């Protein structure tokens, strides 16, 4: 959710974290295999099948949800909160206002 949300925010880092993380925690996962052709039922096929059947449906649901409520290329700050196991997003202030206030408060700008 965090990564999908950040891709929509003009001010946030677009760094990919999910697939590199999966590369480190799942011995059978290799993100590079997702773009390779099928290797006769081997590791590439397993990764592709897992992505298509397990991850992709959830990622699409997240994107659909964010399409409805967040949009694209926004300056708004969105906060994610965990409330008893549910993820809730909350719209905050325009990032440019927060950045201006931070810089004025720190003395960076006068």
PDB file of N, CA and C in Angstrom:
ATOM      1  N   UNK A   1       0.831  -1.187   0.000  1.00  0.00           N
ATOM      2  CA  UNK A   1       0.000   0.000   0.000  1.00  0.00           C
ATOM      3  C   UNK A   1       0.874   1.249   0.000  1.00  0.00           C
ATOM      4  N   UNK A   2       1.896   1.252   0.822  1.00  0.00           N
ATOM      5  CA  UNK A   2       2.784   2.404   0.937  1.00  0.00           C
ATOM      6  C   UNK A   2       3.427   2.738  -0.406  1.00  0.00           C
ATOM      7  N   UNK A   3       3.933   1.727  -1.075  1.00  0.00           N
ATOM      8  CA  UNK A   3       4.592   1.927  -2.368  1.00  0.00           C
ATOM      9  C   UNK A   3       3.599   2.429  -3.418  1.00  0.00           C
ATOM     10  N   UNK A   4       2.427   1.845  -3.469  1.00  0.00           N
ATOM     11  CA  UNK A   4       1.406   2.261  -4.433  1.00  0.00           C
ATOM     12  C   UNK A   4       0.950   3.687  -4.155  1.00  0.00           C
ATOM     13  N   UNK A   5       0.826   4.047  -2.902  1.00  0.00           N
ATOM     14  CA  UNK A   5       0.428   5.399  -2.531  1.00  0.00           C
ATOM     15  C   UNK A   5       1.520   6.402  -2.910  1.00  0.00           C
ATOM     16  N   UNK A   6       2.764   6.081  -2.597  1.00  0.00           N
ATOM     17  CA  UNK A   6       3.870   6.997  -2.890  1.00  0.00           C
ATOM     18  C   UNK A   6       4.028   7.278  -4.386  1.00  0.00           C
ATOM     19  N   UNK A   7       3.712   6.304  -5.240  1.00  0.00           N
ATOM     20  CA  UNK A   7       3.813   6.533  -6.683  1.00  0.00           C
ATOM     21  C   UNK A   7       2.851   7.620  -7.155  1.00  0.00           C
ATOM     22  N   UNK A   8       1.833   7.903  -6.391  1.00  0.00           N
ATOM     23  CA  UNK A   8       0.815   8.893  -6.765  1.00  0.00           C
ATOM     24  C   UNK A   8       1.128  10.289  -6.238  1.00  0.00           C
ATOM     25  N   UNK A   9       2.048  10.399  -5.310  1.00  0.00           N
ATOM     26  CA  UNK A   9       2.344  11.662  -4.654  1.00  0.00           C
ATOM     27  C   UNK A   9       3.524  12.345  -5.333  1.00  0.00           C
ATOM     28  N   UNK A  10       3.330  13.584  -5.733  1.00  0.00           N
ATOM     29  CA  UNK A  10       4.367  14.314  -6.470  1.00  0.00           C
ATOM     30  C   UNK A  10       5.627  14.507  -5.650  1.00  0.00           C
ATOM     31  N   UNK A  11       5.517  14.514  -4.359  1.00  0.00           N
ATOM     32  CA  UNK A  11       6.621  14.862  -3.478  1.00  0.00           C
ATOM     33  C   UNK A  11       7.313  13.644  -2.865  1.00  0.00           C
ATOM     34  N   UNK A  12       6.779  12.453  -3.043  1.00  0.00           N
ATOM     35  CA  UNK A  12       7.283  11.264  -2.337  1.00  0.00           C
ATOM     36  C   UNK A  12       8.284  10.475  -3.176  1.00  0.00           C
ATOM     37  N   UNK A  13       9.071   9.674  -2.491  1.00  0.00           N
ATOM     38  CA  UNK A  13      10.031   8.786  -3.147  1.00  0.00           C
ATOM     39  C   UNK A  13       9.288   7.694  -3.910  1.00  0.00           C
ATOM     40  N   UNK A  14       9.754   7.401  -5.104  1.00  0.00           N
ATOM     41  CA  UNK A  14       9.130   6.365  -5.935  1.00  0.00           C
ATOM     42  C   UNK A  14       9.920   5.055  -5.864  1.00  0.00           C
ATOM     43  N   UNK A  15      10.749   4.939  -4.861  1.00  0.00           N
ATOM     44  CA  UNK A  15      11.614   3.769  -4.723  1.00  0.00           C
ATOM     45  C   UNK A  15      10.789   2.493  -4.562  1.00  0.00           C
ATOM     46  N   UNK A  16      11.144   1.482  -5.344  1.00  0.00           N
ATOM     47  CA  UNK A  16      10.469   0.186  -5.249  1.00  0.00           C
ATOM     48  C   UNK A  16      11.052  -0.588  -4.074  1.00  0.00           C
ATOM     49  N   UNK A  17      10.172  -1.084  -3.213  1.00  0.00           N
ATOM     50  CA  UNK A  17      10.628  -1.808  -2.022  1.00  0.00           C
ATOM     51  C   UNK A  17      10.099  -3.230  -1.943  1.00  0.00           C
ATOM     52  N   UNK A  18       8.909  -3.458  -2.494  1.00  0.00           N
ATOM     53  CA  UNK A  18       8.254  -4.752  -2.310  1.00  0.00           C
ATOM     54  C   UNK A  18       9.047  -5.880  -2.967  1.00  0.00           C
ATOM     55  N   UNK A  19       9.330  -5.748  -4.255  1.00  0.00           N
ATOM     56  CA  UNK A  19      10.019  -6.840  -4.943  1.00  0.00           C
ATOM     57  C   UNK A  19      11.439  -7.061  -4.428  1.00  0.00           C
ATOM     58  N   UNK A  20      12.229  -6.008  -4.172  1.00  0.00           N
ATOM     59  CA  UNK A  20      13.539  -6.264  -3.557  1.00  0.00           C
ATOM     60  C   UNK A  20      13.423  -6.969  -2.207  1.00  0.00           C
ATOM     61  N   UNK A  21      12.384  -6.621  -1.436  1.00  0.00           N
ATOM     62  CA  UNK A  21      12.163  -7.289  -0.148  1.00  0.00           C
ATOM     63  C   UNK A  21      11.849  -8.764  -0.354  1.00  0.00           C
ATOM     64  N   UNK A  22      10.970  -9.056  -1.314  1.00  0.00           N
ATOM     65  CA  UNK A  22      10.637 -10.462  -1.585  1.00  0.00           C
ATOM     66  C   UNK A  22      11.874 -11.241  -2.017  1.00  0.00           C
ATOM     67  N   UNK A  23      12.769 -10.597  -2.759  1.00  0.00           N
ATOM     68  CA  UNK A  23      14.020 -11.253  -3.167  1.00  0.00           C
ATOM     69  C   UNK A  23      14.842 -11.699  -1.958  1.00  0.00           C
ATOM     70  N   UNK A  24      14.756 -10.953  -0.854  1.00  0.00           N
ATOM     71  CA  UNK A  24      15.568 -11.288   0.318  1.00  0.00           C
ATOM     72  C   UNK A  24      14.911 -12.274   1.269  1.00  0.00           C
ATOM     73  N   UNK A  25      13.580 -12.338   1.294  1.00  0.00           N
ATOM     74  CA  UNK A  25      12.910 -13.192   2.286  1.00  0.00           C
ATOM     75  C   UNK A  25      12.359 -14.499   1.728  1.00  0.00           C
ATOM     76  N   UNK A  26      12.196 -14.588   0.420  1.00  0.00           N
ATOM     77  CA  UNK A  26      11.691 -15.826  -0.182  1.00  0.00           C
ATOM     78  C   UNK A  26      12.788 -16.431  -1.052  1.00  0.00           C
ATOM     79  N   UNK A  27      13.276 -17.574  -0.656  1.00  0.00           N
ATOM     80  CA  UNK A  27      14.399 -18.181  -1.373  1.00  0.00           C
ATOM     81  C   UNK A  27      14.058 -18.509  -2.834  1.00  0.00           C
ATOM     82  N   UNK A  28      12.796 -18.749  -3.121  1.00  0.00           N
ATOM     83  CA  UNK A  28      12.377 -19.132  -4.469  1.00  0.00           C
ATOM     84  C   UNK A  28      11.968 -17.935  -5.325  1.00  0.00           C
ATOM     85  N   UNK A  29      11.897 -16.746  -4.722  1.00  0.00           N
ATOM     86  CA  UNK A  29      11.443 -15.557  -5.462  1.00  0.00           C
ATOM     87  C   UNK A  29      12.617 -14.869  -6.144  1.00  0.00           C
ATOM     88  N   UNK A  30      12.436 -14.515  -7.393  1.00  0.00           N
ATOM     89  CA  UNK A  30      13.424 -13.710  -8.129  1.00  0.00           C
ATOM     90  C   UNK A  30      12.645 -12.771  -9.033  1.00  0.00           C
ATOM     91  N   UNK A  31      12.634 -11.503  -8.697  1.00  0.00           N
ATOM     92  CA  UNK A  31      11.869 -10.509  -9.453  1.00  0.00           C
ATOM     93  C   UNK A  31      12.242 -10.516 -10.928  1.00  0.00           C
ATOM     94  N   UNK A  32      13.503 -10.776 -11.232  1.00  0.00           N
ATOM     95  CA  UNK A  32      13.955 -10.791 -12.634  1.00  0.00           C
ATOM     96  C   UNK A  32      13.237 -11.861 -13.452  1.00  0.00           C
ATOM     97  N   UNK A  33      12.757 -12.918 -12.791  1.00  0.00           N
ATOM     98  CA  UNK A  33      12.087 -14.006 -13.505  1.00  0.00           C
ATOM     99  C   UNK A  33      10.691 -13.621 -13.972  1.00  0.00           C
ATOM    100  N   UNK A  34      10.137 -12.538 -13.434  1.00  0.00           N
ATOM    101  CA  UNK A  34       8.786 -12.129 -13.833  1.00  0.00           C
ATOM    102  C   UNK A  34       8.726 -11.686 -15.286  1.00  0.00           C
ATOM    103  N   UNK A  35       9.833 -11.215 -15.816  1.00  0.00           N
ATOM    104  CA  UNK A  35       9.841 -10.735 -17.199  1.00  0.00           C
ATOM    105  C   UNK A  35      10.465 -11.746 -18.158  1.00  0.00           C
ATOM    106  N   UNK A  36      10.885 -12.882 -17.652  1.00  0.00           N
ATOM    107  CA  UNK A  36      11.488 -13.913 -18.499  1.00  0.00           C
ATOM    108  C   UNK A  36      10.407 -14.829 -19.063  1.00  0.00           C
ATOM    109  N   UNK A  37      10.727 -15.465 -20.155  1.00  0.00           N
ATOM    110  CA  UNK A  37       9.787 -16.439 -20.715  1.00  0.00           C
ATOM    111  C   UNK A  37       9.758 -17.683 -19.840  1.00  0.00           C
ATOM    112  N   UNK A  38       8.725 -18.470 -19.996  1.00  0.00           N
ATOM    113  CA  UNK A  38       8.559 -19.680 -19.197  1.00  0.00           C
ATOM    114  C   UNK A  38       9.738 -20.628 -19.403  1.00  0.00           C
ATOM    115  N   UNK A  39      10.257 -21.164 -18.316  1.00  0.00           N
ATOM    116  CA  UNK A  39      11.394 -22.091 -18.411  1.00  0.00           C
ATOM    117  C   UNK A  39      10.939 -23.522 -18.137  1.00  0.00           C
ATOM    118  N   UNK A  40       9.900 -23.934 -18.838  1.00  0.00           N
ATOM    119  CA  UNK A  40       9.378 -25.302 -18.784  1.00  0.00           C
ATOM    120  C   UNK A  40       8.987 -25.731 -17.377  1.00  0.00           C
ATOM    121  N   UNK A  41       8.211 -24.872 -16.701  1.00  0.00           N
ATOM    122  CA  UNK A  41       7.690 -25.259 -15.391  1.00  0.00           C
ATOM    123  C   UNK A  41       8.651 -25.050 -14.253  1.00  0.00           C
ATOM    124  N   UNK A  42       9.747 -24.375 -14.468  1.00  0.00           N
ATOM    125  CA  UNK A  42      10.730 -24.175 -13.416  1.00  0.00           C
ATOM    126  C   UNK A  42      10.438 -22.971 -12.555  1.00  0.00           C
ATOM    127  N   UNK A  43      11.515 -22.375 -12.038  1.00  0.00           N
ATOM    128  CA  UNK A  43      11.399 -21.267 -11.085  1.00  0.00           C
ATOM    129  C   UNK A  43      10.704 -20.058 -11.702  1.00  0.00           C
ATOM    130  N   UNK A  44      11.001 -19.739 -12.977  1.00  0.00           N
ATOM    131  CA  UNK A  44      10.362 -18.575 -13.612  1.00  0.00           C
ATOM    132  C   UNK A  44       8.860 -18.766 -13.655  1.00  0.00           C
ATOM    133  N   UNK A  45       8.412 -19.936 -14.032  1.00  0.00           N
ATOM    134  CA  UNK A  45       6.985 -20.211 -14.111  1.00  0.00           C
ATOM    135  C   UNK A  45       6.335 -20.103 -12.735  1.00  0.00           C
ATOM    136  N   UNK A  46       7.002 -20.600 -11.712  1.00  0.00           N
ATOM    137  CA  UNK A  46       6.454 -20.550 -10.360  1.00  0.00           C
ATOM    138  C   UNK A  46       6.312 -19.104  -9.896  1.00  0.00           C
ATOM    139  N   UNK A  47       7.353 -18.290 -10.114  1.00  0.00           N
ATOM    140  CA  UNK A  47       7.291 -16.879  -9.737  1.00  0.00           C
ATOM    141  C   UNK A  47       6.182 -16.158 -10.506  1.00  0.00           C
ATOM    142  N   UNK A  48       6.093 -16.416 -11.794  1.00  0.00           N
ATOM    143  CA  UNK A  48       5.070 -15.780 -12.620  1.00  0.00           C
ATOM    144  C   UNK A  48       3.672 -16.199 -12.167  1.00  0.00           C
ATOM    145  N   UNK A  49       3.495 -17.483 -11.879  1.00  0.00           N
ATOM    146  CA  UNK A  49       2.193 -17.971 -11.415  1.00  0.00           C
ATOM    147  C   UNK A  49       1.828 -17.365 -10.062  1.00  0.00           C
ATOM    148  N   UNK A  50       2.790 -17.316  -9.144  1.00  0.00           N
ATOM    149  CA  UNK A  50       2.539 -16.738  -7.826  1.00  0.00           C
ATOM    150  C   UNK A  50       2.149 -15.272  -7.960  1.00  0.00           C
ATOM    151  N   UNK A  51       2.878 -14.550  -8.802  1.00  0.00           N
ATOM    152  CA  UNK A  51       2.564 -13.136  -9.019  1.00  0.00           C
ATOM    153  C   UNK A  51       1.155 -12.992  -9.605  1.00  0.00           C
ATOM    154  N   UNK A  52       0.867 -13.758 -10.647  1.00  0.00           N
ATOM    155  CA  UNK A  52      -0.418 -13.635 -11.347  1.00  0.00           C
ATOM    156  C   UNK A  52      -1.607 -14.051 -10.490  1.00  0.00           C
ATOM    157  N   UNK A  53      -1.434 -15.085  -9.707  1.00  0.00           N
ATOM    158  CA  UNK A  53      -2.565 -15.637  -8.965  1.00  0.00           C
ATOM    159  C   UNK A  53      -2.712 -15.085  -7.554  1.00  0.00           C
ATOM    160  N   UNK A  54      -1.605 -14.669  -6.940  1.00  0.00           N
ATOM    161  CA  UNK A  54      -1.666 -14.231  -5.549  1.00  0.00           C
ATOM    162  C   UNK A  54      -1.453 -12.720  -5.407  1.00  0.00           C
ATOM    163  N   UNK A  55      -0.338 -12.220  -5.910  1.00  0.00           N
ATOM    164  CA  UNK A  55      -0.012 -10.817  -5.687  1.00  0.00           C
ATOM    165  C   UNK A  55      -0.810  -9.857  -6.558  1.00  0.00           C
ATOM    166  N   UNK A  56      -0.877 -10.121  -7.845  1.00  0.00           N
ATOM    167  CA  UNK A  56      -1.498  -9.183  -8.776  1.00  0.00           C
ATOM    168  C   UNK A  56      -2.948  -8.841  -8.420  1.00  0.00           C
ATOM    169  N   UNK A  57      -3.798  -9.802  -8.064  1.00  0.00           N
ATOM    170  CA  UNK A  57      -5.172  -9.426  -7.697  1.00  0.00           C
ATOM    171  C   UNK A  57      -5.234  -8.435  -6.526  1.00  0.00           C
ATOM    172  N   UNK A  58      -4.355  -8.611  -5.538  1.00  0.00           N
ATOM    173  CA  UNK A  58      -4.333  -7.695  -4.395  1.00  0.00           C
ATOM    174  C   UNK A  58      -3.789  -6.332  -4.800  1.00  0.00           C
ATOM    175  N   UNK A  59      -2.752  -6.336  -5.625  1.00  0.00           N
ATOM    176  CA  UNK A  59      -2.188  -5.066  -6.088  1.00  0.00           C
ATOM    177  C   UNK A  59      -3.207  -4.285  -6.913  1.00  0.00           C
ATOM    178  N   UNK A  60      -3.986  -4.984  -7.725  1.00  0.00           N
ATOM    179  CA  UNK A  60      -5.016  -4.317  -8.520  1.00  0.00           C
ATOM    180  C   UNK A  60      -6.113  -3.725  -7.633  1.00  0.00           C
ATOM    181  N   UNK A  61      -6.483  -4.431  -6.569  1.00  0.00           N
ATOM    182  CA  UNK A  61      -7.479  -3.901  -5.638  1.00  0.00           C
ATOM    183  C   UNK A  61      -6.968  -2.629  -4.955  1.00  0.00           C
ATOM    184  N   UNK A  62      -5.712  -2.640  -4.576  1.00  0.00           N
ATOM    185  CA  UNK A  62      -5.117  -1.456  -3.954  1.00  0.00           C
ATOM    186  C   UNK A  62      -5.130  -0.291  -4.940  1.00  0.00           C
ATOM    187  N   UNK A  63      -4.728  -0.541  -6.192  1.00  0.00           N
ATOM    188  CA  UNK A  63      -4.705   0.516  -7.201  1.00  0.00           C
ATOM    189  C   UNK A  63      -6.113   1.053  -7.463  1.00  0.00           C
ATOM    190  N   UNK A  64      -7.107   0.179  -7.552  1.00  0.00           N
ATOM    191  CA  UNK A  64      -8.495   0.618  -7.756  1.00  0.00           C
ATOM    192  C   UNK A  64      -8.969   1.505  -6.603  1.00  0.00           C
ATOM    193  N   UNK A  65      -8.658   1.089  -5.392  1.00  0.00           N
ATOM    194  CA  UNK A  65      -9.033   1.872  -4.216  1.00  0.00           C
ATOM    195  C   UNK A  65      -8.379   3.251  -4.263  1.00  0.00           C
ATOM    196  N   UNK A  66      -7.086   3.280  -4.551  1.00  0.00           N
ATOM    197  CA  UNK A  66      -6.367   4.555  -4.593  1.00  0.00           C
ATOM    198  C   UNK A  66      -6.840   5.423  -5.754  1.00  0.00           C
ATOM    199  N   UNK A  67      -7.232   4.812  -6.873  1.00  0.00           N
ATOM    200  CA  UNK A  67      -7.796   5.583  -7.991  1.00  0.00           C
ATOM    201  C   UNK A  67      -9.015   6.376  -7.529  1.00  0.00           C
ATOM    202  N   UNK A  68      -9.869   5.741  -6.743  1.00  0.00           N
ATOM    203  CA  UNK A  68     -11.102   6.378  -6.295  1.00  0.00           C
ATOM    204  C   UNK A  68     -10.886   7.493  -5.291  1.00  0.00           C
ATOM    205  N   UNK A  69      -9.933   7.314  -4.384  1.00  0.00           N
ATOM    206  CA  UNK A  69      -9.817   8.236  -3.260  1.00  0.00           C
ATOM    207  C   UNK A  69      -8.622   9.179  -3.304  1.00  0.00           C
ATOM    208  N   UNK A  70      -7.557   8.803  -3.973  1.00  0.00           N
ATOM    209  CA  UNK A  70      -6.343   9.621  -3.955  1.00  0.00           C
ATOM    210  C   UNK A  70      -6.096  10.306  -5.297  1.00  0.00           C
ATOM    211  N   UNK A  71      -6.254   9.579  -6.386  1.00  0.00           N
ATOM    212  CA  UNK A  71      -5.946  10.129  -7.702  1.00  0.00           C
ATOM    213  C   UNK A  71      -4.461  10.027  -8.010  1.00  0.00           C
ATOM    214  N   UNK A  72      -4.000  10.824  -8.963  1.00  0.00           N
ATOM    215  CA  UNK A  72      -2.596  10.799  -9.379  1.00  0.00           C
ATOM    216  C   UNK A  72      -1.982  12.183  -9.294  1.00  0.00           C
ATOM    217  N   UNK A  73      -0.691  12.217  -9.140  1.00  0.00           N
ATOM    218  CA  UNK A  73       0.107  13.438  -9.196  1.00  0.00           C
ATOM    219  C   UNK A  73      -0.422  14.505  -8.235  1.00  0.00           C
ATOM    220  N   UNK A  74      -0.631  14.117  -7.010  1.00  0.00           N
ATOM    221  CA  UNK A  74      -1.177  15.041  -6.019  1.00  0.00           C
ATOM    222  C   UNK A  74      -0.082  15.563  -5.093  1.00  0.00           C
ATOM    223  N   UNK A  75      -0.272  16.758  -4.608  1.00  0.00           N
ATOM    224  CA  UNK A  75       0.636  17.353  -3.627  1.00  0.00           C
ATOM    225  C   UNK A  75       0.162  17.058  -2.198  1.00  0.00           C
ATOM    226  N   UNK A  76      -1.007  16.475  -2.053  1.00  0.00           N
ATOM    227  CA  UNK A  76      -1.528  16.192  -0.717  1.00  0.00           C
ATOM    228  C   UNK A  76      -0.668  15.155  -0.002  1.00  0.00           C
ATOM    229  N   UNK A  77      -0.607  15.285   1.292  1.00  0.00           N
ATOM    230  CA  UNK A  77       0.060  14.288   2.138  1.00  0.00           C
ATOM    231  C   UNK A  77      -1.012  13.300   2.577  1.00  0.00           C
ATOM    232  N   UNK A  78      -0.734  12.020   2.445  1.00  0.00           N
ATOM    233  CA  UNK A  78      -1.653  10.972   2.894  1.00  0.00           C
ATOM    234  C   UNK A  78      -0.953  10.164   3.969  1.00  0.00           C
ATOM    235  N   UNK A  79      -1.654   9.937   5.051  1.00  0.00           N
ATOM    236  CA  UNK A  79      -1.117   9.170   6.166  1.00  0.00           C
ATOM    237  C   UNK A  79      -1.769   7.794   6.185  1.00  0.00           C
ATOM    238  N   UNK A  80      -0.954   6.788   6.423  1.00  0.00           N
ATOM    239  CA  UNK A  80      -1.477   5.431   6.589  1.00  0.00           C
ATOM    240  C   UNK A  80      -1.481   5.106   8.072  1.00  0.00           C
ATOM    241  N   UNK A  81      -2.569   4.550   8.516  1.00  0.00           N
ATOM    242  CA  UNK A  81      -2.705   4.163   9.922  1.00  0.00           C
ATOM    243  C   UNK A  81      -3.165   2.707   9.992  1.00  0.00           C
ATOM    244  N   UNK A  82      -2.633   2.006  10.973  1.00  0.00           N
ATOM    245  CA  UNK A  82      -3.057   0.632  11.228  1.00  0.00           C
ATOM    246  C   UNK A  82      -4.029   0.681  12.407  1.00  0.00           C
ATOM    247  N   UNK A  83      -5.273   0.360  12.130  1.00  0.00           N
ATOM    248  CA  UNK A  83      -6.284   0.353  13.182  1.00  0.00           C
ATOM    249  C   UNK A  83      -6.800  -1.076  13.336  1.00  0.00           C
ATOM    250  N   UNK A  84      -6.313  -1.738  14.363  1.00  0.00           N
ATOM    251  CA  UNK A  84      -6.679  -3.118  14.683  1.00  0.00           C
ATOM    252  C   UNK A  84      -6.565  -4.020  13.448  1.00  0.00           C
ATOM    253  N   UNK A  85      -5.427  -3.934  12.761  1.00  0.00           N
ATOM    254  CA  UNK A  85      -5.168  -4.811  11.623  1.00  0.00           C
ATOM    255  C   UNK A  85      -5.703  -4.319  10.285  1.00  0.00           C
ATOM    256  N   UNK A  86      -6.460  -3.234  10.284  1.00  0.00           N
ATOM    257  CA  UNK A  86      -6.937  -2.647   9.034  1.00  0.00           C
ATOM    258  C   UNK A  86      -6.074  -1.445   8.682  1.00  0.00           C
ATOM    259  N   UNK A  87      -5.825  -1.265   7.396  1.00  0.00           N
ATOM    260  CA  UNK A  87      -5.073  -0.104   6.945  1.00  0.00           C
ATOM    261  C   UNK A  87      -6.066   0.979   6.561  1.00  0.00           C
ATOM    262  N   UNK A  88      -5.870   2.152   7.137  1.00  0.00           N
ATOM    263  CA  UNK A  88      -6.724   3.298   6.858  1.00  0.00           C
ATOM    264  C   UNK A  88      -5.832   4.405   6.326  1.00  0.00           C
ATOM    265  N   UNK A  89      -6.289   5.096   5.271  1.00  0.00           N
ATOM    266  CA  UNK A  89      -5.533   6.247   4.797  1.00  0.00           C
ATOM    267  C   UNK A  89      -6.309   7.512   5.136  1.00  0.00           C
ATOM    268  N   UNK A  90      -5.551   8.552   5.461  1.00  0.00           N
ATOM    269  CA  UNK A  90      -6.152   9.811   5.876  1.00  0.00           C
ATOM    270  C   UNK A  90      -5.483  10.943   5.108  1.00  0.00           C
ATOM    271  N   UNK A  91      -6.295  11.796   4.504  1.00  0.00           N
ATOM    272  CA  UNK A  91      -5.773  12.914   3.731  1.00  0.00           C
ATOM    273  C   UNK A  91      -5.304  14.016   4.668  1.00  0.00           C
ATOM    274  N   UNK A  92      -4.087  14.475   4.407  1.00  0.00           N
ATOM    275  CA  UNK A  92      -3.528  15.560   5.205  1.00  0.00           C
ATOM    276  C   UNK A  92      -3.440  16.846   4.395  1.00  0.00           C
ATOM    277  N   UNK A  93      -2.521  17.693   4.795  1.00  0.00           N
ATOM    278  CA  UNK A  93      -2.316  19.005   4.197  1.00  0.00           C
ATOM    279  C   UNK A  93      -1.488  18.898   2.923  1.00  0.00           C
ATOM    280  N   UNK A  94      -1.544  19.920   2.123  1.00  0.00           N
ATOM    281  CA  UNK A  94      -0.700  20.033   0.935  1.00  0.00           C
ATOM    282  C   UNK A  94       0.767  20.007   1.376  1.00  0.00           C
ATOM    283  N   UNK A  95       1.571  19.180   0.745  1.00  0.00           N
ATOM    284  CA  UNK A  95       2.978  19.025   1.115  1.00  0.00           C
ATOM    285  C   UNK A  95       3.724  20.348   1.040  1.00  0.00           C
ATOM    286  N   UNK A  96       3.414  21.185   0.056  1.00  0.00           N
ATOM    287  CA  UNK A  96       4.133  22.447  -0.121  1.00  0.00           C
ATOM    288  C   UNK A  96       3.934  23.357   1.084  1.00  0.00           C
ATOM    289  N   UNK A  97       2.767  23.325   1.677  1.00  0.00           N
ATOM    290  CA  UNK A  97       2.507  24.130   2.879  1.00  0.00           C
ATOM    291  C   UNK A  97       3.309  23.579   4.051  1.00  0.00           C
ATOM    292  N   UNK A  98       3.289  22.261   4.215  1.00  0.00           N
ATOM    293  CA  UNK A  98       4.055  21.649   5.312  1.00  0.00           C
ATOM    294  C   UNK A  98       5.547  21.915   5.155  1.00  0.00           C
ATOM    295  N   UNK A  99       6.044  21.818   3.931  1.00  0.00           N
ATOM    296  CA  UNK A  99       7.468  22.060   3.682  1.00  0.00           C
ATOM    297  C   UNK A  99       7.818  23.509   3.974  1.00  0.00           C
ATOM    298  N   UNK A 100       6.972  24.447   3.569  1.00  0.00           N
ATOM    299  CA  UNK A 100       7.207  25.866   3.840  1.00  0.00           C
ATOM    300  C   UNK A 100       7.234  26.119   5.349  1.00  0.00           C
ATOM    301  N   UNK A 101       6.259  25.561   6.070  1.00  0.00           N
ATOM    302  CA  UNK A 101       6.219  25.738   7.521  1.00  0.00           C
ATOM    303  C   UNK A 101       7.452  25.143   8.190  1.00  0.00           C
ATOM    304  N   UNK A 102       7.873  23.978   7.719  1.00  0.00           N
ATOM    305  CA  UNK A 102       9.074  23.339   8.291  1.00  0.00           C
ATOM    306  C   UNK A 102      10.304  24.207   8.067  1.00  0.00           C
ATOM    307  N   UNK A 103      10.465  24.705   6.838  1.00  0.00           N
ATOM    308  CA  UNK A 103      11.635  25.528   6.520  1.00  0.00           C
ATOM    309  C   UNK A 103      11.626  26.860   7.275  1.00  0.00           C
ATOM    310  N   UNK A 104      10.457  27.465   7.399  1.00  0.00           N
ATOM    311  CA  UNK A 104      10.359  28.721   8.152  1.00  0.00           C
ATOM    312  C   UNK A 104      10.643  28.469   9.638  1.00  0.00           C
ATOM    313  N   UNK A 105      10.117  27.382  10.170  1.00  0.00           N
ATOM    314  CA  UNK A 105      10.311  27.056  11.579  1.00  0.00           C
ATOM    315  C   UNK A 105      11.746  26.718  11.923  1.00  0.00           C
ATOM    316  N   UNK A 106      12.461  26.116  10.980  1.00  0.00           N
ATOM    317  CA  UNK A 106      13.855  25.726  11.241  1.00  0.00           C
ATOM    318  C   UNK A 106      14.827  26.868  10.981  1.00  0.00           C
ATOM    319  N   UNK A 107      14.346  27.973  10.409  1.00  0.00           N
ATOM    320  CA  UNK A 107      15.229  29.099  10.102  1.00  0.00           C
ATOM    321  C   UNK A 107      15.927  28.949   8.761  1.00  0.00           C
ATOM    322  N   UNK A 108      15.619  27.876   8.015  1.00  0.00           N
ATOM    323  CA  UNK A 108      16.226  27.673   6.703  1.00  0.00           C
ATOM    324  C   UNK A 108      15.846  28.820   5.754  1.00  0.00           C
ATOM    325  N   UNK A 109      14.598  29.266   5.887  1.00  0.00           N
ATOM    326  CA  UNK A 109      14.110  30.426   5.113  1.00  0.00           C
ATOM    327  C   UNK A 109      13.723  31.521   6.092  1.00  0.00           C
ATOM    328  N   UNK A 110      13.881  32.750   5.678  1.00  0.00           N
ATOM    329  CA  UNK A 110      13.498  33.886   6.534  1.00  0.00           C
ATOM    330  C   UNK A 110      12.516  34.754   5.827  1.00  0.00           C
TER     331      UNK A 110
END
